[in-house]
C-alpha atoms as a PDB file:
ATOM      1  CA  MET A   1     109.255  77.912 103.978  1.00  0.00           C
ATOM      2  CA  GLN A   2     106.551  79.836 105.772  1.00  0.00           C
ATOM      3  CA  VAL A   3     106.895  83.377 107.108  1.00  0.00           C
ATOM      4  CA  ILE A   4     104.804  85.691 109.255  1.00  0.00           C
ATOM      5  CA  VAL A   5     103.641  89.038 107.903  1.00  0.00           C
ATOM      6  CA  PHE A   6     101.934  91.611 110.066  1.00  0.00           C
ATOM      7  CA  HIS A   7     100.288  94.976 109.676  1.00  0.00           C
ATOM      8  CA  MET A   8     102.384  97.724 111.297  1.00  0.00           C
ATOM      9  CA  GLY A   9      99.860 100.494 110.666  1.00  0.00           C
ATOM     10  CA  ASN A  10      99.471 102.994 107.816  1.00  0.00           C
ATOM     11  CA  GLY A  11      99.269  99.999 105.473  1.00  0.00           C
ATOM     12  CA  LYS A  12     102.924  99.036 106.036  1.00  0.00           C
ATOM     13  CA  VAL A  13     104.013  95.447 106.537  1.00  0.00           C
ATOM     14  CA  ALA A  14     106.636  93.751 108.702  1.00  0.00           C
ATOM     15  CA  LEU A  15     108.072  90.305 108.129  1.00  0.00           C
ATOM     16  CA  VAL A  16     109.148  87.659 110.651  1.00  0.00           C
ATOM     17  CA  ILE A  17     111.215  84.747 109.370  1.00  0.00           C
ATOM     18  CA  PRO A  18     111.338  82.034 112.031  1.00  0.00           C
ATOM     19  CA  ALA A  19     114.571  80.150 112.653  1.00  0.00           C
ATOM     20  CA  PRO A  20     114.465  76.730 110.956  1.00  0.00           C
ATOM     21  CA  GLU A  21     114.243  74.893 114.273  1.00  0.00           C
ATOM     22  CA  TYR A  22     110.954  76.722 115.017  1.00  0.00           C
ATOM     23  CA  ALA A  23     109.323  76.169 111.616  1.00  0.00           C
ATOM     24  CA  ASP A  24     106.904  73.633 113.101  1.00  0.00           C
ATOM     25  CA  GLN A  25     105.930  76.143 115.815  1.00  0.00           C
ATOM     26  CA  ILE A  26     105.267  79.138 113.558  1.00  0.00           C
ATOM     27  CA  GLU A  27     101.954  80.106 115.188  1.00  0.00           C
ATOM     28  CA  ALA A  28     103.633  80.200 118.614  1.00  0.00           C
ATOM     29  CA  VAL A  29     106.402  82.359 117.134  1.00  0.00           C
ATOM     30  CA  ALA A  30     103.801  84.765 115.719  1.00  0.00           C
ATOM     31  CA  GLU A  31     101.959  85.007 119.023  1.00  0.00           C
ATOM     32  CA  LYS A  32     105.252  85.744 120.807  1.00  0.00           C
ATOM     33  CA  ASP A  33     106.920  88.078 118.282  1.00  0.00           C
ATOM     34  CA  VAL A  34     104.095  90.039 116.654  1.00  0.00           C
ATOM     35  CA  PRO A  35     103.176  93.108 118.741  1.00  0.00           C
ATOM     36  CA  GLU A  36      99.905  92.731 120.608  1.00  0.00           C
ATOM     37  CA  GLY A  37      96.869  93.889 118.680  1.00  0.00           C
ATOM     38  CA  LYS A  38      98.515  93.737 115.238  1.00  0.00           C
ATOM     39  CA  GLN A  39      96.897  91.702 112.466  1.00  0.00           C
ATOM     40  CA  TRP A  40      99.095  88.909 111.177  1.00  0.00           C
ATOM     41  CA  ARG A  41      99.031  85.881 108.944  1.00  0.00           C
ATOM     42  CA  ILE A  42     101.304  83.066 107.879  1.00  0.00           C
ATOM     43  CA  ILE A  43     102.125  82.784 104.200  1.00  0.00           C
ATOM     44  CA  ASP A  44     104.488  80.813 102.041  1.00  0.00           C
ATOM     45  CA  ALA A  45     107.661  82.785 101.332  1.00  0.00           C
ATOM     46  CA  ALA A  46     107.106  82.170  97.602  1.00  0.00           C
ATOM     47  CA  GLU A  47     103.997  84.412  97.844  1.00  0.00           C
ATOM     48  CA  LEU A  48     106.018  87.452  98.936  1.00  0.00           C
ATOM     49  CA  PRO A  49     106.401  90.259  96.419  1.00  0.00           C
ATOM     50  CA  PRO A  50     109.955  90.906  95.171  1.00  0.00           C
ATOM     51  CA  ARG A  51     112.295  91.860  98.021  1.00  0.00           C
ATOM     52  CA  GLU A  52     113.529  95.003  96.224  1.00  0.00           C
ATOM     53  CA  SER A  53     109.986  96.417  96.491  1.00  0.00           C
ATOM     54  CA  ARG A  54     109.773  95.782 100.242  1.00  0.00           C
ATOM     55  CA  ASP A  55     109.504  99.465 101.194  1.00  0.00           C
ATOM     56  CA  ARG A  56     106.323  99.573  99.057  1.00  0.00           C
ATOM     57  CA  TRP A  57     104.619  96.437 100.403  1.00  0.00           C
ATOM     58  CA  ARG A  58     101.149  97.150 101.736  1.00  0.00           C
ATOM     59  CA  TRP A  59      98.802  95.110 103.898  1.00  0.00           C
ATOM     60  CA  THR A  60      95.586  93.696 102.485  1.00  0.00           C
ATOM     61  CA  ASP A  61      92.848  92.226 104.673  1.00  0.00           C
ATOM     62  CA  SER A  62      93.082  88.951 102.786  1.00  0.00           C
ATOM     63  CA  GLY A  63      95.115  87.402 100.033  1.00  0.00           C
ATOM     64  CA  PRO A  64      98.562  88.487  98.906  1.00  0.00           C
ATOM     65  CA  LEU A  65     100.298  91.694  99.901  1.00  0.00           C
ATOM     66  CA  SER A  66      99.961  94.567  97.485  1.00  0.00           C
ATOM     67  CA  VAL A  67     102.842  96.665  96.170  1.00  0.00           C
ATOM     68  CA  LEU A  68     102.554 100.405  95.600  1.00  0.00           C
ATOM     69  CA  PRO A  69     103.802 101.567  92.190  1.00  0.00           C
ATOM     70  CA  GLU A  70     107.138 103.383  92.119  1.00  0.00           C
END
């Protein structure tokens, strides 16, 4: 499954998980649901860091998201 991650500012990250019936239209979902002017990318959900660290996810300009240490 693919998901949309976008940069909220201050390095923080938001996640959009499209409904299954829109999986083949993920770019259209991103263009509609990501706030204008925010950087975003589509990644495989398996690439996401552990969910329990979500409050520490940080945006990177390319590649995987980073996670701040506790």
